[in-house]
Amino acid sequence: MTDALPSDTESTEALEGDPQPDEASRLGARVRRGSLISIGQYAIAQILRLATNLILTRLLFQEVFGLMALIQVLIVGLHLFSDVGIGPSIVQNEKGDQPEFLDTAFTVQLFRGVSLWLLCCVAAYPFASFYDEPRLLHLLPVAGLTAVLAGLQSTKFWTYQRDLRLGKIAVLDIITQVTSATLMLVLAYVLRSVWALIISGLINDALRTLLTHVMLEGHRNRIRVHRASLVSMIRFGRWIFFSTVVSFCVSQTDRLVFGKLASLEVLATYSIAVVLASMPSAALWHLTGTVLLPAYSRIVQSKGALSSEDFLRVRGPLLLAAAWVLSGMIAGGAIAIDLLYDDRYADAGWMVQMLSVGAWFMVVDATIAPSLMALGQSQWMAAGNLAKLIGMAVLIPIGFHLFEFPGAIGGYAMTEVLRYALSTTIAHRRNLSPLGQDLRATGMLIVGAAVGWFAGHGAGRVTDIVFLQALAVFAAVTVVFLPVAKPALRRFRAARAGVGA
């Protein structure tokens, strides 16, 4: 596993090739700085989200979270069904910083947002009837306004990501998240209903859109369509569109199916488990869009290719960090739920552990996807999502038939293996060769989870204090990963010192 953790100095040199060492050093430094900013901002957001969630579970009835989960299914679904890759097109396209391209992107984005809101209004009645929940008829049209607000967002947001200028974006995100969380808690205390979540969400999107126009520097958008830019955008985004259509089925089918198999209360418990189990994979997907895709795109634009050596060196530390976190989740998911939530959500513990196993394969896939997108191979993301969808159609019914609801969740978690298998195969065809590195990381994950599990159960026999049990799991898993992590940290510090010299 140690060879999966690259020298950051070597990684920097690989970013732009030997002919331009100064530019390579600058880009390497920006990638490291961007990674730290992106991960730091995301960590703050997740801590804030978790803290808000903990307070909300004590202010609102359990069924409110189940109801909001159904609303999010439809809204997210409409977003994904109309995603043509506007942001990634700006980041990936060599003309993505030109005014006519940006204005075309803004115009398409706005048209899409208005269309999504209208579709949300039309879908409200059949959706409410299907789930026999009349409240959805009034809630969905209001919640759908988020699409219009998102459609008004300035393309300067994506331009900053393209250039790896992530500092202001991080500040912008933190401002909106803190404001939204504060308002959500106040409204939840006053209203004690799902309207608190919907209203605060609308204000969050409105503030975010406003800040993209006033905080960020760059081209001011206007409505116009440049034919060549539109054609280029469609060519790049057509496979992203197909991928996100399948992605909706992949990412939201569990809630759609489980919403019919179980009560709103059980769906709420499942939603809590998903929030915790998906944090590592969501963090990596966040890093993929903000740092890895722009960096890989720069390499491909400069060198015309992405070498296996560059690819493995960049993803190695990310795999190690994800394996450390998920080992703890698999080992101590039930302990974490006991520590954070009341008895109503106790069943979320075993759900977190099951989902974390699937999340590992999602994490590994998330480190492969940006390299394929940078190479213009976005169609394979669609194929990977389709493979997972086929797995869901087979494994969820089998799991439910054999073991009822726990079996259905286990079947859903295992579908991630199919998507990963396809991504790995395609990566090998592009001479990126991730399998050996993945096997070593998976071995670390298994050892860390096993040691953490025994430590947590051993602590449970000695003390009833849940915090001490959680601390035992954390310490045990960290001890397993520390021998590998320490050399990586030394190389990272040496590389930083070399760039700063």
Protein backbone atom coordinates (compact mmCIF):
# COMPACT_ATOMS: atom_id res chain seq x y z
CA MET A 1 0.00 0.00 0.00
CA THR A 2 2.88 2.33 0.60
CA ASP A 3 3.59 2.59 -3.08
CA ALA A 4 0.05 3.88 -3.53
CA LEU A 5 1.08 6.98 -1.67
CA PRO A 6 3.06 9.09 -4.13
CA SER A 7 5.73 11.61 -3.64
CA ASP A 8 3.99 14.95 -4.06
CA THR A 9 7.08 16.35 -5.73
CA GLU A 10 6.90 13.63 -8.37
CA SER A 11 3.18 14.21 -8.75
CA THR A 12 3.80 17.88 -9.35
CA GLU A 13 6.37 17.16 -12.05
CA ALA A 14 3.94 14.82 -13.75
CA LEU A 15 1.21 17.38 -14.01
CA GLU A 16 2.48 19.28 -17.01
CA GLY A 17 5.45 17.32 -18.25
CA ASP A 18 9.16 17.97 -18.20
CA PRO A 19 9.24 20.73 -20.86
CA GLN A 20 7.48 23.21 -18.57
CA PRO A 21 8.72 22.61 -15.00
CA ASP A 22 7.76 26.04 -13.68
CA GLU A 23 4.22 25.75 -14.95
CA ALA A 24 4.03 22.18 -13.67
CA SER A 25 5.13 23.30 -10.21
CA ARG A 26 2.53 26.05 -10.16
CA LEU A 27 -0.23 23.70 -11.24
CA GLY A 28 0.88 21.07 -8.74
CA ALA A 29 0.86 23.64 -5.95
CA ARG A 30 -2.59 24.83 -7.02
CA VAL A 31 -3.89 21.25 -7.04
CA ARG A 32 -2.62 20.66 -3.50
CA ARG A 33 -3.93 24.02 -2.31
CA GLY A 34 -7.23 23.45 -4.08
CA SER A 35 -7.54 19.99 -2.57
CA LEU A 36 -6.97 21.32 0.94
CA ILE A 37 -9.46 24.16 0.43
CA SER A 38 -12.05 21.87 -1.13
CA ILE A 39 -11.74 19.19 1.53
CA GLY A 40 -11.71 21.79 4.31
CA GLN A 41 -14.81 23.52 2.98
CA TYR A 42 -16.58 20.21 2.51
CA ALA A 43 -15.63 19.06 6.01
CA ILE A 44 -17.07 22.26 7.50
CA ALA A 45 -20.24 21.79 5.45
CA GLN A 46 -20.67 18.18 6.58
CA ILE A 47 -20.04 19.00 10.24
CA LEU A 48 -22.60 21.80 9.98
CA ARG A 49 -25.02 19.49 8.17
CA LEU A 50 -24.64 16.77 10.80
CA ALA A 51 -25.04 19.21 13.70
CA THR A 52 -28.15 20.70 12.08
CA ASN A 53 -29.54 17.24 11.43
CA LEU A 54 -29.03 16.22 15.06
CA ILE A 55 -30.92 19.26 16.31
CA LEU A 56 -33.71 18.86 13.73
CA THR A 57 -34.34 15.25 14.80
CA ARG A 58 -35.20 16.64 18.22
CA LEU A 59 -37.39 19.48 16.91
CA LEU A 60 -39.39 17.72 14.20
CA PHE A 61 -41.44 14.54 14.00
CA GLN A 62 -39.78 11.53 12.37
CA GLU A 63 -42.24 11.49 9.45
CA VAL A 64 -41.10 14.99 8.38
CA PHE A 65 -37.75 13.55 7.28
CA GLY A 66 -39.48 10.78 5.36
CA LEU A 67 -41.71 13.34 3.64
CA MET A 68 -38.73 15.54 2.75
CA ALA A 69 -36.91 12.47 1.39
CA LEU A 70 -39.77 11.93 -1.09
CA ILE A 71 -39.72 15.60 -2.12
CA GLN A 72 -35.99 15.44 -2.71
CA VAL A 73 -36.39 12.32 -4.83
CA LEU A 74 -38.58 14.18 -7.34
CA ILE A 75 -36.57 17.41 -7.37
CA VAL A 76 -33.21 15.66 -7.66
CA GLY A 77 -34.71 13.40 -10.31
CA LEU A 78 -35.86 16.31 -12.43
CA HIS A 79 -32.42 17.93 -12.12
CA LEU A 80 -30.65 14.77 -13.18
CA PHE A 81 -33.05 14.05 -16.02
CA SER A 82 -32.14 17.39 -17.57
CA ASP A 83 -28.41 17.55 -16.81
CA VAL A 84 -26.42 18.26 -19.97
CA GLY A 85 -23.11 18.85 -18.20
CA ILE A 86 -23.10 22.65 -18.30
CA GLY A 87 -20.58 23.10 -15.50
CA PRO A 88 -18.21 20.30 -16.57
CA SER A 89 -18.37 21.66 -20.15
CA ILE A 90 -17.05 25.02 -18.96
CA VAL A 91 -14.28 23.29 -17.00
CA GLN A 92 -13.29 20.79 -19.69
CA ASN A 93 -13.66 22.77 -22.94
CA GLU A 94 -10.60 24.73 -24.10
CA LYS A 95 -12.95 27.60 -25.06
CA GLY A 96 -14.83 27.43 -21.77
CA ASP A 97 -13.56 30.85 -20.66
CA GLN A 98 -14.82 32.77 -23.71
CA PRO A 99 -17.84 35.12 -23.27
CA GLU A 100 -19.98 33.54 -25.99
CA PHE A 101 -19.49 30.07 -24.48
CA LEU A 102 -20.32 31.31 -20.96
CA ASP A 103 -23.43 33.18 -22.11
CA THR A 104 -24.66 30.14 -24.00
CA ALA A 105 -24.14 28.02 -20.90
CA PHE A 106 -26.03 30.56 -18.77
CA THR A 107 -28.94 30.68 -21.23
CA VAL A 108 -29.25 26.89 -21.38
CA GLN A 109 -29.00 26.72 -17.60
CA LEU A 110 -31.78 29.28 -17.10
CA PHE A 111 -34.10 27.64 -19.64
CA ARG A 112 -33.49 24.32 -17.92
CA GLY A 113 -34.32 25.76 -14.47
CA VAL A 114 -37.65 27.23 -15.54
CA SER A 115 -38.56 24.03 -17.39
CA LEU A 116 -37.77 21.95 -14.30
CA TRP A 117 -40.06 24.05 -12.12
CA LEU A 118 -42.93 23.66 -14.59
CA LEU A 119 -42.36 19.91 -14.69
CA CYS A 120 -42.34 19.83 -10.90
CA CYS A 121 -45.75 21.51 -10.84
CA VAL A 122 -47.14 19.03 -13.37
CA ALA A 123 -45.70 16.01 -11.54
CA ALA A 124 -47.04 17.03 -8.12
CA TYR A 125 -50.47 15.43 -8.47
CA PRO A 126 -49.44 11.98 -9.79
CA PHE A 127 -46.54 11.83 -7.33
CA ALA A 128 -48.83 12.68 -4.39
CA SER A 129 -51.38 10.11 -5.57
CA PHE A 130 -48.78 7.34 -5.96
CA TYR A 131 -47.57 7.72 -2.37
CA ASP A 132 -51.07 8.53 -1.05
CA GLU A 133 -49.68 11.71 0.54
CA PRO A 134 -51.89 14.76 -0.25
CA ARG A 135 -49.43 17.21 1.34
CA LEU A 136 -47.04 16.65 -1.55
CA LEU A 137 -49.51 18.34 -3.91
CA HIS A 138 -48.84 21.71 -2.24
CA LEU A 139 -45.24 21.19 -1.18
CA LEU A 140 -43.69 20.17 -4.51
CA PRO A 141 -44.47 23.30 -6.61
CA VAL A 142 -42.92 25.50 -3.92
CA ALA A 143 -39.90 23.27 -3.40
CA GLY A 144 -39.39 23.14 -7.18
CA LEU A 145 -38.60 26.86 -7.28
CA THR A 146 -35.06 25.88 -6.28
CA ALA A 147 -34.52 24.92 -9.93
CA VAL A 148 -35.28 28.46 -11.12
CA LEU A 149 -32.96 29.97 -8.54
CA ALA A 150 -30.17 27.57 -9.50
CA GLY A 151 -30.72 28.43 -13.16
CA LEU A 152 -29.91 32.07 -12.42
CA GLN A 153 -26.50 31.22 -10.94
CA SER A 154 -23.57 32.99 -12.60
CA THR A 155 -21.17 30.95 -14.71
CA LYS A 156 -18.37 32.73 -12.82
CA PHE A 157 -18.76 29.92 -10.28
CA TRP A 158 -17.61 27.37 -12.87
CA THR A 159 -14.90 29.65 -14.23
CA TYR A 160 -13.35 29.81 -10.76
CA GLN A 161 -13.40 26.01 -10.59
CA ARG A 162 -11.86 25.79 -14.05
CA ASP A 163 -8.94 27.92 -12.86
CA LEU A 164 -8.74 26.14 -9.48
CA ARG A 165 -9.44 29.42 -7.67
CA LEU A 166 -11.36 27.76 -4.87
CA GLY A 167 -10.85 30.15 -1.95
CA LYS A 168 -13.74 32.49 -2.72
CA ILE A 169 -15.97 29.58 -3.68
CA ALA A 170 -15.31 28.01 -0.29
CA VAL A 171 -16.18 31.28 1.48
CA LEU A 172 -19.33 31.62 -0.63
CA ASP A 173 -20.44 28.08 0.22
CA ILE A 174 -19.77 28.49 3.93
CA ILE A 175 -21.74 31.77 4.08
CA THR A 176 -24.78 30.20 2.41
CA GLN A 177 -24.59 27.01 4.48
CA VAL A 178 -24.30 28.79 7.82
CA THR A 179 -27.13 31.17 6.92
CA SER A 180 -29.35 28.35 5.70
CA ALA A 181 -28.66 26.13 8.73
CA THR A 182 -29.37 28.94 11.18
CA LEU A 183 -32.59 29.87 9.44
CA MET A 184 -33.64 26.23 9.17
CA LEU A 185 -33.31 25.70 12.93
CA VAL A 186 -35.21 28.91 13.72
CA LEU A 187 -38.03 28.01 11.33
CA ALA A 188 -38.14 24.42 12.61
CA TYR A 189 -38.52 25.70 16.16
CA VAL A 190 -41.32 28.09 15.13
CA LEU A 191 -43.19 26.08 12.47
CA ARG A 192 -42.52 22.48 13.57
CA SER A 193 -43.27 21.25 10.05
CA VAL A 194 -41.68 20.32 6.73
CA TRP A 195 -42.19 23.92 5.56
CA ALA A 196 -39.17 24.90 7.67
CA LEU A 197 -36.93 22.72 5.48
CA ILE A 198 -38.45 23.93 2.20
CA ILE A 199 -38.36 27.67 2.99
CA SER A 200 -34.78 27.55 4.28
CA GLY A 201 -33.75 25.62 1.16
CA LEU A 202 -35.20 28.32 -1.10
CA ILE A 203 -33.42 31.07 0.80
CA ASN A 204 -30.17 29.09 0.64
CA ASP A 205 -30.39 28.83 -3.16
CA ALA A 206 -31.38 32.47 -3.57
CA LEU A 207 -28.45 33.67 -1.44
CA ARG A 208 -26.01 31.36 -3.22
CA THR A 209 -27.11 32.62 -6.63
CA LEU A 210 -26.85 36.24 -5.53
CA LEU A 211 -23.35 35.74 -4.16
CA THR A 212 -22.10 34.12 -7.39
CA HIS A 213 -22.94 37.41 -9.13
CA VAL A 214 -21.64 39.88 -6.55
CA MET A 215 -18.72 38.06 -4.88
CA LEU A 216 -16.99 36.55 -7.88
CA GLU A 217 -15.11 38.46 -10.57
CA GLY A 218 -15.40 37.78 -14.25
CA HIS A 219 -17.75 37.87 -17.21
CA ARG A 220 -21.27 39.17 -16.51
CA ASN A 221 -23.76 36.84 -18.15
CA ARG A 222 -26.47 37.81 -20.56
CA ILE A 223 -29.02 35.74 -22.44
CA ARG A 224 -27.72 34.73 -25.88
CA VAL A 225 -26.92 31.53 -27.79
CA HIS A 226 -23.72 31.02 -29.75
CA ARG A 227 -24.32 28.16 -32.16
CA ALA A 228 -20.80 26.69 -32.17
CA SER A 229 -20.63 26.81 -28.37
CA LEU A 230 -24.01 25.14 -28.07
CA VAL A 231 -23.00 22.35 -30.45
CA SER A 232 -19.75 21.78 -28.53
CA MET A 233 -21.66 21.72 -25.25
CA ILE A 234 -24.17 19.21 -26.55
CA ARG A 235 -21.46 16.93 -27.93
CA PHE A 236 -19.74 16.82 -24.56
CA GLY A 237 -22.91 16.73 -22.51
CA ARG A 238 -24.94 14.12 -24.38
CA TRP A 239 -23.33 11.24 -22.53
CA ILE A 240 -23.50 13.15 -19.26
CA PHE A 241 -27.23 13.60 -19.93
CA PHE A 242 -27.69 9.87 -20.42
CA SER A 243 -25.46 9.16 -17.44
CA THR A 244 -27.44 11.42 -15.14
CA VAL A 245 -30.76 9.97 -16.30
CA VAL A 246 -29.46 6.56 -15.30
CA SER A 247 -27.82 8.16 -12.25
CA PHE A 248 -31.23 9.29 -11.01
CA CYS A 249 -32.50 5.73 -11.19
CA VAL A 250 -29.31 4.59 -9.46
CA SER A 251 -29.19 7.19 -6.69
CA GLN A 252 -32.88 7.65 -5.95
CA THR A 253 -34.49 4.28 -6.69
CA ASP A 254 -33.67 3.09 -3.18
CA ARG A 255 -35.86 5.85 -1.69
CA LEU A 256 -38.60 5.34 -4.28
CA VAL A 257 -38.70 1.59 -3.61
CA PHE A 258 -38.15 1.72 0.14
CA GLY A 259 -40.80 4.47 0.36
CA LYS A 260 -43.33 1.86 -0.79
CA LEU A 261 -41.88 -1.06 1.17
CA ALA A 262 -41.75 0.76 4.51
CA SER A 263 -43.37 3.57 6.47
CA LEU A 264 -42.28 7.22 6.44
CA GLU A 265 -40.67 6.62 9.84
CA VAL A 266 -38.51 3.76 8.51
CA LEU A 267 -37.66 5.83 5.43
CA ALA A 268 -36.56 8.64 7.75
CA THR A 269 -34.28 6.23 9.63
CA TYR A 270 -32.83 5.00 6.35
CA SER A 271 -32.24 8.60 5.24
CA ILE A 272 -30.25 9.26 8.42
CA ALA A 273 -28.10 6.18 7.70
CA VAL A 274 -27.50 7.30 4.11
CA VAL A 275 -26.32 10.73 5.29
CA LEU A 276 -23.61 9.19 7.46
CA ALA A 277 -22.56 6.34 5.17
CA SER A 278 -22.33 8.52 2.07
CA MET A 279 -20.12 11.24 3.57
CA PRO A 280 -16.76 9.81 2.39
CA SER A 281 -17.96 9.09 -1.15
CA ALA A 282 -19.76 12.43 -1.35
CA ALA A 283 -16.56 14.18 -0.24
CA LEU A 284 -14.60 12.48 -3.00
CA TRP A 285 -17.21 13.31 -5.64
CA HIS A 286 -17.01 16.91 -4.42
CA LEU A 287 -13.23 16.81 -4.80
CA THR A 288 -13.65 15.22 -8.23
CA GLY A 289 -15.62 18.18 -9.56
CA THR A 290 -13.67 20.95 -7.88
CA VAL A 291 -10.07 19.72 -8.17
CA LEU A 292 -9.43 16.43 -9.95
CA LEU A 293 -11.38 17.08 -13.15
CA PRO A 294 -9.81 20.55 -13.68
CA ALA A 295 -6.33 19.19 -12.91
CA TYR A 296 -6.64 16.14 -15.14
CA SER A 297 -8.11 18.29 -17.91
CA ARG A 298 -5.08 20.60 -17.74
CA ILE A 299 -2.76 17.60 -18.03
CA VAL A 300 -4.62 16.18 -21.03
CA GLN A 301 -4.77 19.59 -22.75
CA SER A 302 -1.03 20.03 -22.24
CA LYS A 303 0.31 16.51 -22.87
CA GLY A 304 -2.51 14.95 -24.88
CA ALA A 305 -2.70 11.98 -22.50
CA LEU A 306 -2.86 10.91 -18.86
CA SER A 307 -0.23 8.39 -17.75
CA SER A 308 -0.90 5.57 -15.32
CA GLU A 309 1.89 6.87 -13.08
CA ASP A 310 0.29 10.31 -12.77
CA PHE A 311 -3.13 8.77 -12.20
CA LEU A 312 -2.04 6.38 -9.44
CA ARG A 313 0.02 9.00 -7.62
CA VAL A 314 -2.87 11.43 -7.43
CA ARG A 315 -5.50 8.95 -6.23
CA GLY A 316 -3.35 6.97 -3.75
CA PRO A 317 -3.65 9.35 -0.76
CA LEU A 318 -7.38 9.78 -1.43
CA LEU A 319 -7.95 6.02 -1.27
CA LEU A 320 -6.00 5.80 1.97
CA ALA A 321 -8.03 8.57 3.63
CA ALA A 322 -11.32 7.07 2.46
CA ALA A 323 -10.34 3.58 3.65
CA TRP A 324 -9.51 4.97 7.10
CA VAL A 325 -12.89 6.71 7.44
CA LEU A 326 -14.96 3.83 6.06
CA SER A 327 -13.15 1.28 8.23
CA GLY A 328 -14.41 3.23 11.21
CA MET A 329 -17.94 3.43 9.77
CA ILE A 330 -18.09 -0.31 9.12
CA ALA A 331 -16.68 -1.13 12.53
CA GLY A 332 -18.56 1.43 14.59
CA GLY A 333 -21.64 2.52 12.64
CA ALA A 334 -24.04 1.27 15.32
CA ILE A 335 -21.98 2.93 18.06
CA ALA A 336 -22.02 6.24 16.14
CA ILE A 337 -25.82 6.16 15.86
CA ASP A 338 -26.16 5.38 19.59
CA LEU A 339 -23.89 8.32 20.35
CA LEU A 340 -25.57 10.86 18.06
CA TYR A 341 -29.28 9.98 17.91
CA ASP A 342 -32.09 8.91 20.22
CA ASP A 343 -33.66 5.45 20.34
CA ARG A 344 -36.09 6.17 17.47
CA TYR A 345 -33.17 5.93 15.03
CA ALA A 346 -31.40 2.88 16.53
CA ASP A 347 -31.95 0.77 13.40
CA ALA A 348 -29.86 3.26 11.42
CA GLY A 349 -26.77 1.66 13.03
CA TRP A 350 -26.76 -1.61 11.10
CA MET A 351 -27.88 0.30 7.99
CA VAL A 352 -24.79 2.53 8.21
CA GLN A 353 -22.55 -0.52 8.43
CA MET A 354 -24.13 -2.19 5.38
CA LEU A 355 -24.17 0.97 3.30
CA SER A 356 -20.54 1.76 4.18
CA VAL A 357 -19.41 -1.48 2.52
CA GLY A 358 -21.06 -0.36 -0.72
CA ALA A 359 -19.74 3.16 -0.20
CA TRP A 360 -16.17 1.84 -0.42
CA PHE A 361 -16.67 0.72 -4.01
CA MET A 362 -18.38 4.05 -4.74
CA VAL A 363 -15.31 5.84 -3.36
CA VAL A 364 -12.91 3.85 -5.52
CA ASP A 365 -15.06 4.51 -8.58
CA ALA A 366 -15.09 8.23 -7.74
CA THR A 367 -11.29 8.33 -8.09
CA ILE A 368 -11.49 6.81 -11.59
CA ALA A 369 -14.36 8.88 -13.05
CA PRO A 370 -12.56 12.27 -13.39
CA SER A 371 -9.72 10.72 -15.37
CA LEU A 372 -12.17 9.24 -17.89
CA MET A 373 -14.06 12.55 -18.15
CA ALA A 374 -10.82 14.46 -18.72
CA LEU A 375 -10.04 12.06 -21.56
CA GLY A 376 -13.46 12.82 -23.08
CA GLN A 377 -14.80 9.38 -22.18
CA SER A 378 -17.94 10.53 -20.34
CA GLN A 379 -19.99 7.77 -21.98
CA TRP A 380 -18.42 5.22 -19.65
CA MET A 381 -19.91 6.99 -16.63
CA ALA A 382 -23.31 6.35 -18.17
CA ALA A 383 -22.40 2.73 -18.78
CA GLY A 384 -21.26 2.35 -15.16
CA ASN A 385 -24.50 3.77 -13.84
CA LEU A 386 -26.43 1.45 -16.14
CA ALA A 387 -24.51 -1.54 -14.78
CA LYS A 388 -25.46 -0.52 -11.24
CA LEU A 389 -29.10 -0.04 -12.26
CA ILE A 390 -29.24 -3.55 -13.68
CA GLY A 391 -27.72 -4.82 -10.43
CA MET A 392 -30.40 -2.99 -8.42
CA ALA A 393 -33.16 -4.58 -10.50
CA VAL A 394 -31.75 -8.00 -9.64
CA LEU A 395 -30.19 -7.75 -6.17
CA ILE A 396 -32.75 -5.62 -4.30
CA PRO A 397 -35.70 -7.99 -5.02
CA ILE A 398 -33.56 -11.04 -4.23
CA GLY A 399 -32.36 -9.48 -0.99
CA PHE A 400 -35.88 -8.49 0.04
CA HIS A 401 -37.21 -11.96 -0.76
CA LEU A 402 -34.54 -13.66 1.33
CA PHE A 403 -34.12 -11.27 4.26
CA GLU A 404 -36.89 -8.65 3.87
CA PHE A 405 -35.90 -4.99 4.41
CA PRO A 406 -32.32 -5.65 5.66
CA GLY A 407 -31.77 -7.88 2.63
CA ALA A 408 -33.01 -5.15 0.29
CA ILE A 409 -30.51 -2.68 1.77
CA GLY A 410 -27.71 -5.23 1.52
CA GLY A 411 -28.59 -5.89 -2.13
CA TYR A 412 -28.55 -2.16 -2.84
CA ALA A 413 -25.13 -1.76 -1.22
CA MET A 414 -23.63 -4.57 -3.31
CA THR A 415 -24.72 -3.01 -6.60
CA GLU A 416 -21.77 -0.60 -6.32
CA VAL A 417 -19.46 -3.52 -7.10
CA LEU A 418 -20.86 -3.77 -10.63
CA ARG A 419 -20.26 -0.11 -11.44
CA TYR A 420 -16.74 -0.29 -10.05
CA ALA A 421 -15.98 -3.43 -12.07
CA LEU A 422 -16.89 -1.69 -15.32
CA SER A 423 -14.95 1.49 -14.45
CA THR A 424 -11.85 -0.53 -13.62
CA THR A 425 -12.09 -2.44 -16.88
CA ILE A 426 -12.29 0.78 -18.91
CA ALA A 427 -9.43 2.33 -16.92
CA HIS A 428 -7.25 -0.68 -17.76
CA ARG A 429 -8.08 -0.24 -21.45
CA ARG A 430 -6.83 3.34 -21.13
CA ASN A 431 -3.62 2.00 -19.53
CA LEU A 432 -4.39 3.50 -16.10
CA SER A 433 -4.20 0.15 -14.21
CA PRO A 434 -5.88 0.88 -10.84
CA LEU A 435 -6.62 -2.73 -9.76
CA GLY A 436 -3.44 -3.49 -7.82
CA GLN A 437 -3.69 -0.23 -5.89
CA ASP A 438 -7.38 -0.91 -5.18
CA LEU A 439 -6.68 -4.40 -3.82
CA ARG A 440 -4.07 -3.06 -1.41
CA ALA A 441 -6.41 -0.31 -0.23
CA THR A 442 -9.26 -2.82 0.20
CA GLY A 443 -6.98 -5.02 2.29
CA MET A 444 -6.26 -2.07 4.56
CA LEU A 445 -9.99 -1.40 4.81
CA ILE A 446 -10.77 -4.99 5.87
CA VAL A 447 -8.02 -5.11 8.47
CA GLY A 448 -8.97 -1.69 9.86
CA ALA A 449 -12.68 -2.58 10.07
CA ALA A 450 -11.98 -5.91 11.78
CA VAL A 451 -9.62 -4.42 14.36
CA GLY A 452 -12.03 -1.54 14.99
CA TRP A 453 -15.00 -3.89 15.42
CA PHE A 454 -13.21 -6.00 18.02
CA ALA A 455 -12.04 -2.87 19.82
CA GLY A 456 -15.57 -1.42 19.93
CA HIS A 457 -17.15 -4.62 21.20
CA GLY A 458 -14.38 -5.11 23.71
CA ALA A 459 -14.91 -1.60 25.05
CA GLY A 460 -18.67 -2.32 25.24
CA ARG A 461 -18.01 -5.17 27.66
CA VAL A 462 -15.96 -2.90 29.90
CA THR A 463 -18.09 0.27 29.91
CA ASP A 464 -21.59 1.42 28.98
CA ILE A 465 -20.33 4.89 28.04
CA VAL A 466 -20.93 5.10 24.30
CA PHE A 467 -18.38 7.86 23.77
CA LEU A 468 -15.60 5.64 25.13
CA GLN A 469 -16.70 2.81 22.82
CA ALA A 470 -16.55 5.18 19.85
CA LEU A 471 -13.12 6.41 20.98
CA ALA A 472 -11.88 2.80 21.11
CA VAL A 473 -12.99 2.20 17.51
CA PHE A 474 -11.34 5.43 16.34
CA ALA A 475 -8.06 4.65 18.12
CA ALA A 476 -7.90 1.06 16.86
CA VAL A 477 -8.57 1.97 13.22
CA THR A 478 -6.09 4.86 13.37
CA VAL A 479 -3.36 2.56 14.75
CA VAL A 480 -3.86 0.26 11.75
CA PHE A 481 -3.48 3.09 9.22
CA LEU A 482 -0.82 5.15 11.00
CA PRO A 483 2.23 3.21 9.73
CA VAL A 484 1.14 3.89 6.14
CA ALA A 485 -0.06 7.44 6.73
CA LYS A 486 3.11 8.76 8.41
CA PRO A 487 5.44 8.28 5.39
CA ALA A 488 2.80 9.88 3.16
CA LEU A 489 2.59 12.92 5.42
CA ARG A 490 6.38 13.28 5.44
CA ARG A 491 6.49 13.20 1.64
CA PHE A 492 3.66 15.74 1.46
CA ARG A 493 5.47 18.16 3.78
CA ALA A 494 8.72 17.72 1.89
CA ALA A 495 6.95 18.44 -1.39
CA ARG A 496 5.37 21.58 0.02
CA ALA A 497 8.74 22.77 1.27
CA GLY A 498 10.23 22.10 -2.17
CA VAL A 499 7.55 24.15 -3.92
CA GLY A 500 7.90 26.98 -1.46
CA ALA A 501 11.68 27.07 -1.78
